[in-house]
Amino acid sequence: MKERYNAVHFIQYQLGDGNNTSLWLDPWHPSGILHDQFPIPLLYDSTCFRDAKVASIIQSGKWQIPEHLAMHLQPIMHNLAQVPIGECQDEPVWTISLKGEYRLKDT
């Protein structure tokens, strides 16, 4: 498990539709893993619960933060414009490889 904890620092999710990427637990945002940056009660909100996918804050191909959470999520909202939304599936990218693919040689 220690290896997984260390490996997550070398993965960045390239978003497609947001359906396969965890809002709180996956490294998709420029600020890093959001779970570590917000109060625990926020992770259990009925709209963006702990297991929510990034797709839960995307509507019609645009970022849409629920109004009641916008005040709490200001730090991530500022950088959302840097994160493009695609139409395909989300894809993990191994950041220490030039091609973005995991290879044992690169580890």
C-alpha atoms as a PDB file:
ATOM      1  CA  MET A   1       0.000   0.000   0.000  1.00  0.00           C
ATOM      2  CA  LYS A   2       2.920   2.349   0.589  1.00  0.00           C
ATOM      3  CA  GLU A   3       3.812   2.013  -3.099  1.00  0.00           C
ATOM      4  CA  ARG A   4       0.292   3.043  -4.115  1.00  0.00           C
ATOM      5  CA  TYR A   5       0.480   6.114  -1.876  1.00  0.00           C
ATOM      6  CA  ASN A   6       3.788   7.090  -3.469  1.00  0.00           C
ATOM      7  CA  ALA A   7       2.656   6.289  -7.025  1.00  0.00           C
ATOM      8  CA  VAL A   8      -0.378   8.573  -6.867  1.00  0.00           C
ATOM      9  CA  HIS A   9       1.994  11.549  -6.899  1.00  0.00           C
ATOM     10  CA  PHE A  10       3.041  10.600 -10.437  1.00  0.00           C
ATOM     11  CA  ILE A  11      -0.457  10.234 -11.884  1.00  0.00           C
ATOM     12  CA  GLN A  12      -2.605  13.033 -13.262  1.00  0.00           C
ATOM     13  CA  TYR A  13      -6.039  12.338 -14.695  1.00  0.00           C
ATOM     14  CA  GLN A  14      -6.774  13.782 -18.099  1.00  0.00           C
ATOM     15  CA  LEU A  15     -10.480  14.465 -17.918  1.00  0.00           C
ATOM     16  CA  GLY A  16     -12.937  13.382 -20.503  1.00  0.00           C
ATOM     17  CA  ASP A  17     -16.532  13.305 -19.289  1.00  0.00           C
ATOM     18  CA  GLY A  18     -15.588  13.001 -15.591  1.00  0.00           C
ATOM     19  CA  ASN A  19     -17.490   9.743 -15.069  1.00  0.00           C
ATOM     20  CA  ASN A  20     -14.444   7.657 -14.118  1.00  0.00           C
ATOM     21  CA  THR A  21     -12.544  10.123 -11.949  1.00  0.00           C
ATOM     22  CA  SER A  22     -13.209  10.665  -8.255  1.00  0.00           C
ATOM     23  CA  LEU A  23     -13.920  14.294  -7.399  1.00  0.00           C
ATOM     24  CA  TRP A  24     -12.161  14.067  -4.040  1.00  0.00           C
ATOM     25  CA  LEU A  25      -9.721  11.138  -4.244  1.00  0.00           C
ATOM     26  CA  ASP A  26      -8.088  11.258  -7.692  1.00  0.00           C
ATOM     27  CA  PRO A  27      -5.412  13.737  -8.848  1.00  0.00           C
ATOM     28  CA  TRP A  28      -7.268  15.567 -11.626  1.00  0.00           C
ATOM     29  CA  HIS A  29      -7.173  19.183 -10.408  1.00  0.00           C
ATOM     30  CA  PRO A  30      -4.096  21.470 -10.664  1.00  0.00           C
ATOM     31  CA  SER A  31      -4.196  21.826  -6.850  1.00  0.00           C
ATOM     32  CA  GLY A  32      -3.799  18.080  -6.378  1.00  0.00           C
ATOM     33  CA  ILE A  33      -6.011  15.619  -4.526  1.00  0.00           C
ATOM     34  CA  LEU A  34      -8.942  17.609  -3.155  1.00  0.00           C
ATOM     35  CA  HIS A  35      -9.698  15.227  -0.271  1.00  0.00           C
ATOM     36  CA  ASP A  36      -6.641  16.541   1.555  1.00  0.00           C
ATOM     37  CA  GLN A  37      -7.607  20.201   1.165  1.00  0.00           C
ATOM     38  CA  PHE A  38     -11.162  20.454   2.496  1.00  0.00           C
ATOM     39  CA  PRO A  39     -12.952  19.812   5.800  1.00  0.00           C
ATOM     40  CA  ILE A  40     -14.227  16.271   6.320  1.00  0.00           C
ATOM     41  CA  PRO A  41     -17.947  17.284   6.624  1.00  0.00           C
ATOM     42  CA  LEU A  42     -17.791  18.749   3.122  1.00  0.00           C
ATOM     43  CA  LEU A  43     -16.875  15.311   1.771  1.00  0.00           C
ATOM     44  CA  TYR A  44     -20.208  13.946   2.986  1.00  0.00           C
ATOM     45  CA  ASP A  45     -22.398  16.604   1.377  1.00  0.00           C
ATOM     46  CA  SER A  46     -25.397  15.058  -0.362  1.00  0.00           C
ATOM     47  CA  THR A  47     -24.467  16.674  -3.686  1.00  0.00           C
ATOM     48  CA  CYS A  48     -20.724  16.044  -3.768  1.00  0.00           C
ATOM     49  CA  PHE A  49     -20.362  13.131  -1.385  1.00  0.00           C
ATOM     50  CA  ARG A  50     -17.039  11.382  -0.775  1.00  0.00           C
ATOM     51  CA  ASP A  51     -17.575   8.928  -3.651  1.00  0.00           C
ATOM     52  CA  ALA A  52     -18.733  11.591  -6.136  1.00  0.00           C
ATOM     53  CA  LYS A  53     -17.252  11.649  -9.601  1.00  0.00           C
ATOM     54  CA  VAL A  54     -15.964  14.795 -11.290  1.00  0.00           C
ATOM     55  CA  ALA A  55     -18.998  14.480 -13.591  1.00  0.00           C
ATOM     56  CA  SER A  56     -21.163  15.605 -10.649  1.00  0.00           C
ATOM     57  CA  ILE A  57     -19.852  19.163 -11.097  1.00  0.00           C
ATOM     58  CA  ILE A  58     -20.118  19.199 -14.904  1.00  0.00           C
ATOM     59  CA  GLN A  59     -23.331  20.129 -16.710  1.00  0.00           C
ATOM     60  CA  SER A  60     -23.696  20.508 -20.472  1.00  0.00           C
ATOM     61  CA  GLY A  61     -19.923  20.387 -20.900  1.00  0.00           C
ATOM     62  CA  LYS A  62     -19.268  23.231 -18.423  1.00  0.00           C
ATOM     63  CA  TRP A  63     -18.126  23.424 -14.826  1.00  0.00           C
ATOM     64  CA  GLN A  64     -21.116  23.792 -12.495  1.00  0.00           C
ATOM     65  CA  ILE A  65     -20.386  23.914  -8.762  1.00  0.00           C
ATOM     66  CA  PRO A  66     -23.563  23.608  -6.651  1.00  0.00           C
ATOM     67  CA  GLU A  67     -24.400  27.037  -5.196  1.00  0.00           C
ATOM     68  CA  HIS A  68     -24.421  25.879  -1.586  1.00  0.00           C
ATOM     69  CA  LEU A  69     -20.861  24.559  -2.013  1.00  0.00           C
ATOM     70  CA  ALA A  70     -19.402  27.412  -4.061  1.00  0.00           C
ATOM     71  CA  MET A  71     -18.269  29.366  -0.986  1.00  0.00           C
ATOM     72  CA  HIS A  72     -16.383  26.343   0.395  1.00  0.00           C
ATOM     73  CA  LEU A  73     -14.830  25.415  -2.938  1.00  0.00           C
ATOM     74  CA  GLN A  74     -13.443  28.817  -3.961  1.00  0.00           C
ATOM     75  CA  PRO A  75      -9.837  27.539  -3.989  1.00  0.00           C
ATOM     76  CA  ILE A  76     -10.631  24.903  -6.622  1.00  0.00           C
ATOM     77  CA  MET A  77     -13.027  27.066  -8.624  1.00  0.00           C
ATOM     78  CA  HIS A  78     -10.235  29.523  -9.364  1.00  0.00           C
ATOM     79  CA  ASN A  79      -8.227  26.861 -11.232  1.00  0.00           C
ATOM     80  CA  LEU A  80     -11.076  24.998 -12.940  1.00  0.00           C
ATOM     81  CA  ALA A  81     -10.687  27.036 -16.123  1.00  0.00           C
ATOM     82  CA  GLN A  82      -7.291  25.341 -16.560  1.00  0.00           C
ATOM     83  CA  VAL A  83      -8.932  21.903 -16.649  1.00  0.00           C
ATOM     84  CA  PRO A  84     -10.464  21.105 -20.034  1.00  0.00           C
ATOM     85  CA  ILE A  85     -13.584  18.962 -20.181  1.00  0.00           C
ATOM     86  CA  GLY A  86     -13.645  16.354 -22.913  1.00  0.00           C
ATOM     87  CA  GLU A  87     -16.274  14.057 -24.339  1.00  0.00           C
ATOM     88  CA  CYS A  88     -14.328  10.797 -24.143  1.00  0.00           C
ATOM     89  CA  GLN A  89     -13.489   8.707 -21.073  1.00  0.00           C
ATOM     90  CA  ASP A  90     -11.135   9.991 -18.391  1.00  0.00           C
ATOM     91  CA  GLU A  91      -7.594   8.733 -18.697  1.00  0.00           C
ATOM     92  CA  PRO A  92      -4.849   8.402 -16.064  1.00  0.00           C
ATOM     93  CA  VAL A  93      -1.510   9.767 -17.264  1.00  0.00           C
ATOM     94  CA  TRP A  94       1.808   8.576 -15.798  1.00  0.00           C
ATOM     95  CA  THR A  95       3.571  11.938 -15.501  1.00  0.00           C
ATOM     96  CA  ILE A  96       7.152  10.691 -15.352  1.00  0.00           C
ATOM     97  CA  SER A  97       6.891   9.071 -18.779  1.00  0.00           C
ATOM     98  CA  LEU A  98       7.269  11.180 -21.910  1.00  0.00           C
ATOM     99  CA  LYS A  99       4.334   9.338 -23.480  1.00  0.00           C
ATOM    100  CA  GLY A 100       2.199   9.358 -20.317  1.00  0.00           C
ATOM    101  CA  GLU A 101       2.154   5.563 -20.175  1.00  0.00           C
ATOM    102  CA  TYR A 102       3.274   3.481 -17.212  1.00  0.00           C
ATOM    103  CA  ARG A 103       6.391   1.436 -17.901  1.00  0.00           C
ATOM    104  CA  LEU A 104       8.421  -0.386 -15.284  1.00  0.00           C
ATOM    105  CA  LYS A 105      11.568   1.126 -16.806  1.00  0.00           C
ATOM    106  CA  ASP A 106      10.329   4.635 -15.879  1.00  0.00           C
ATOM    107  CA  THR A 107       9.780   3.824 -12.204  1.00  0.00           C
END
